[in-house]
Amino acid sequence: MKGTRIISIGLLCLFAFGACANTATIQRMEKDSPCNDPQYLELKEKPIGDMTEREYEYFRDKESACDEYKKTALQVQGNQDMVKDTQNNWLTWYLVAAGLGVVGSLIILSSAP
């Protein structure tokens, strides 16, 4: 019984840690996003005809990187949503099993002489 409780608590901690790790990954990705590059944002406001060749090349590279980042961010967000759904399902089943264990224990205890 004690071993089962330790395993259950360990699994619960792993799921909680997984959710925190996913959130940290999203935050780190947003911080490192090429879409938030100050020079890119400045060039984005500038008409293309007013850019030097180097500025335009930099802008084009960052624009491409930003598009790729957005695709990746959507995939990561989708994976994070899937993990949350799995965690919620697992937690529901865990609580049902725990409730059944409590009820079963009470029945056994109440029927004991």
C-alpha atoms as a PDB file:
ATOM      1  CA  MET A   1       0.000   0.000   0.000  1.00  0.00           C
ATOM      2  CA  LYS A   2       2.800   2.396   0.925  1.00  0.00           C
ATOM      3  CA  GLY A   3       4.673   1.571  -2.296  1.00  0.00           C
ATOM      4  CA  THR A   4       1.574   2.292  -4.377  1.00  0.00           C
ATOM      5  CA  ARG A   5       1.142   5.648  -2.677  1.00  0.00           C
ATOM      6  CA  ILE A   6       4.773   6.589  -3.354  1.00  0.00           C
ATOM      7  CA  ILE A   7       4.455   5.576  -7.022  1.00  0.00           C
ATOM      8  CA  SER A   8       1.225   7.570  -7.377  1.00  0.00           C
ATOM      9  CA  ILE A   9       2.751  10.678  -5.821  1.00  0.00           C
ATOM     10  CA  GLY A  10       5.827  10.280  -8.024  1.00  0.00           C
ATOM     11  CA  LEU A  11       3.721  10.052 -11.185  1.00  0.00           C
ATOM     12  CA  LEU A  12       1.693  13.077 -10.161  1.00  0.00           C
ATOM     13  CA  CYS A  13       4.917  15.058  -9.629  1.00  0.00           C
ATOM     14  CA  LEU A  14       6.224  13.959 -13.040  1.00  0.00           C
ATOM     15  CA  PHE A  15       3.075  15.173 -14.770  1.00  0.00           C
ATOM     16  CA  ALA A  16       3.216  18.494 -12.910  1.00  0.00           C
ATOM     17  CA  PHE A  17       6.892  18.895 -13.812  1.00  0.00           C
ATOM     18  CA  GLY A  18       6.083  18.146 -17.460  1.00  0.00           C
ATOM     19  CA  ALA A  19       3.495  20.929 -17.564  1.00  0.00           C
ATOM     20  CA  CYS A  20       5.963  23.407 -16.047  1.00  0.00           C
ATOM     21  CA  ALA A  21       8.702  22.349 -18.463  1.00  0.00           C
ATOM     22  CA  ASN A  22       6.395  22.883 -21.450  1.00  0.00           C
ATOM     23  CA  THR A  23       5.444  26.354 -20.223  1.00  0.00           C
ATOM     24  CA  ALA A  24       9.117  27.237 -19.741  1.00  0.00           C
ATOM     25  CA  THR A  25       9.861  26.048 -23.292  1.00  0.00           C
ATOM     26  CA  ILE A  26       7.151  28.313 -24.730  1.00  0.00           C
ATOM     27  CA  GLN A  27       8.432  31.298 -22.739  1.00  0.00           C
ATOM     28  CA  ARG A  28      12.016  30.666 -23.833  1.00  0.00           C
ATOM     29  CA  MET A  29      10.905  30.384 -27.468  1.00  0.00           C
ATOM     30  CA  GLU A  30       9.050  33.707 -27.261  1.00  0.00           C
ATOM     31  CA  LYS A  31      12.116  35.398 -25.800  1.00  0.00           C
ATOM     32  CA  ASP A  32      14.389  34.039 -28.542  1.00  0.00           C
ATOM     33  CA  SER A  33      11.880  34.684 -31.327  1.00  0.00           C
ATOM     34  CA  PRO A  34      13.301  36.263 -34.488  1.00  0.00           C
ATOM     35  CA  CYS A  35       9.937  38.039 -34.749  1.00  0.00           C
ATOM     36  CA  ASN A  36      10.901  40.136 -31.690  1.00  0.00           C
ATOM     37  CA  ASP A  37      14.293  41.218 -33.029  1.00  0.00           C
ATOM     38  CA  PRO A  38      14.491  45.033 -32.561  1.00  0.00           C
ATOM     39  CA  GLN A  39      16.260  45.655 -35.881  1.00  0.00           C
ATOM     40  CA  TYR A  40      13.731  43.459 -37.733  1.00  0.00           C
ATOM     41  CA  LEU A  41      10.827  45.318 -36.127  1.00  0.00           C
ATOM     42  CA  GLU A  42      12.369  48.641 -37.124  1.00  0.00           C
ATOM     43  CA  LEU A  43      12.921  47.495 -40.703  1.00  0.00           C
ATOM     44  CA  LYS A  44       9.387  46.130 -40.851  1.00  0.00           C
ATOM     45  CA  GLU A  45       8.091  49.697 -40.498  1.00  0.00           C
ATOM     46  CA  LYS A  46      10.435  51.021 -43.185  1.00  0.00           C
ATOM     47  CA  PRO A  47       9.328  50.964 -46.857  1.00  0.00           C
ATOM     48  CA  ILE A  48      11.283  48.386 -48.855  1.00  0.00           C
ATOM     49  CA  GLY A  49      12.337  51.026 -51.378  1.00  0.00           C
ATOM     50  CA  ASP A  50      14.065  53.009 -48.608  1.00  0.00           C
ATOM     51  CA  MET A  51      16.133  50.030 -47.384  1.00  0.00           C
ATOM     52  CA  THR A  52      19.751  49.499 -48.301  1.00  0.00           C
ATOM     53  CA  GLU A  53      20.673  46.176 -49.875  1.00  0.00           C
ATOM     54  CA  ARG A  54      22.082  44.927 -46.550  1.00  0.00           C
ATOM     55  CA  GLU A  55      18.973  46.035 -44.670  1.00  0.00           C
ATOM     56  CA  TYR A  56      16.715  44.307 -47.181  1.00  0.00           C
ATOM     57  CA  GLU A  57      18.764  41.097 -46.988  1.00  0.00           C
ATOM     58  CA  TYR A  58      18.619  41.195 -43.174  1.00  0.00           C
ATOM     59  CA  PHE A  59      14.881  41.909 -43.295  1.00  0.00           C
ATOM     60  CA  ARG A  60      14.265  39.049 -45.736  1.00  0.00           C
ATOM     61  CA  ASP A  61      16.289  36.590 -43.594  1.00  0.00           C
ATOM     62  CA  LYS A  62      14.459  37.603 -40.425  1.00  0.00           C
ATOM     63  CA  GLU A  63      11.087  37.480 -42.203  1.00  0.00           C
ATOM     64  CA  SER A  64      11.824  33.907 -43.273  1.00  0.00           C
ATOM     65  CA  ALA A  65      13.051  32.979 -39.788  1.00  0.00           C
ATOM     66  CA  CYS A  66       9.964  34.560 -38.240  1.00  0.00           C
ATOM     67  CA  ASP A  67       7.644  32.561 -40.505  1.00  0.00           C
ATOM     68  CA  GLU A  68       9.469  29.346 -39.595  1.00  0.00           C
ATOM     69  CA  TYR A  69       9.310  30.268 -35.914  1.00  0.00           C
ATOM     70  CA  LYS A  70       5.551  30.792 -36.111  1.00  0.00           C
ATOM     71  CA  LYS A  71       5.082  27.336 -37.658  1.00  0.00           C
ATOM     72  CA  THR A  72       7.220  25.740 -34.951  1.00  0.00           C
ATOM     73  CA  ALA A  73       5.448  27.664 -32.192  1.00  0.00           C
ATOM     74  CA  LEU A  74       2.075  26.389 -33.436  1.00  0.00           C
ATOM     75  CA  GLN A  75       3.369  22.814 -33.364  1.00  0.00           C
ATOM     76  CA  VAL A  76       4.766  23.242 -29.845  1.00  0.00           C
ATOM     77  CA  GLN A  77       1.482  24.798 -28.684  1.00  0.00           C
ATOM     78  CA  GLY A  78      -0.416  21.851 -30.178  1.00  0.00           C
ATOM     79  CA  ASN A  79       1.884  19.422 -28.362  1.00  0.00           C
ATOM     80  CA  GLN A  80       1.431  21.337 -25.127  1.00  0.00           C
ATOM     81  CA  ASP A  81      -2.363  21.166 -25.493  1.00  0.00           C
ATOM     82  CA  MET A  82      -2.123  17.412 -26.086  1.00  0.00           C
ATOM     83  CA  VAL A  83       0.025  16.985 -22.956  1.00  0.00           C
ATOM     84  CA  LYS A  84      -2.493  19.002 -20.907  1.00  0.00           C
ATOM     85  CA  ASP A  85      -5.341  16.812 -22.158  1.00  0.00           C
ATOM     86  CA  THR A  86      -3.380  13.686 -21.237  1.00  0.00           C
ATOM     87  CA  GLN A  87      -2.588  15.091 -17.795  1.00  0.00           C
ATOM     88  CA  ASN A  88      -6.234  15.983 -17.193  1.00  0.00           C
ATOM     89  CA  ASN A  89      -7.378  12.508 -18.265  1.00  0.00           C
ATOM     90  CA  TRP A  90      -4.765  10.841 -16.077  1.00  0.00           C
ATOM     91  CA  LEU A  91      -5.677  13.009 -13.096  1.00  0.00           C
ATOM     92  CA  THR A  92      -9.375  12.180 -13.537  1.00  0.00           C
ATOM     93  CA  TRP A  93      -8.673   8.452 -13.577  1.00  0.00           C
ATOM     94  CA  TYR A  94      -6.296   8.814 -10.645  1.00  0.00           C
ATOM     95  CA  LEU A  95      -8.950  10.596  -8.581  1.00  0.00           C
ATOM     96  CA  VAL A  96     -11.590   7.992  -9.497  1.00  0.00           C
ATOM     97  CA  ALA A  97      -9.224   5.174  -8.506  1.00  0.00           C
ATOM     98  CA  ALA A  98      -8.319   6.955  -5.257  1.00  0.00           C
ATOM     99  CA  GLY A  99     -12.012   7.472  -4.473  1.00  0.00           C
ATOM    100  CA  LEU A 100     -12.759   3.812  -5.129  1.00  0.00           C
ATOM    101  CA  GLY A 101      -9.840   2.862  -2.895  1.00  0.00           C
ATOM    102  CA  VAL A 102     -11.178   5.012  -0.064  1.00  0.00           C
ATOM    103  CA  VAL A 103     -14.698   3.605  -0.453  1.00  0.00           C
ATOM    104  CA  GLY A 104     -13.347   0.053  -0.598  1.00  0.00           C
ATOM    105  CA  SER A 105     -11.246   0.642   2.510  1.00  0.00           C
ATOM    106  CA  LEU A 106     -14.248   2.049   4.392  1.00  0.00           C
ATOM    107  CA  ILE A 107     -16.379  -0.948   3.415  1.00  0.00           C
ATOM    108  CA  ILE A 108     -13.695  -3.366   4.580  1.00  0.00           C
ATOM    109  CA  LEU A 109     -13.169  -1.453   7.818  1.00  0.00           C
ATOM    110  CA  SER A 110     -16.903  -1.223   8.547  1.00  0.00           C
ATOM    111  CA  SER A 111     -17.440  -4.937   7.950  1.00  0.00           C
ATOM    112  CA  ALA A 112     -14.543  -6.014  10.176  1.00  0.00           C
ATOM    113  CA  PRO A 113     -15.577  -7.438  13.588  1.00  0.00           C
END
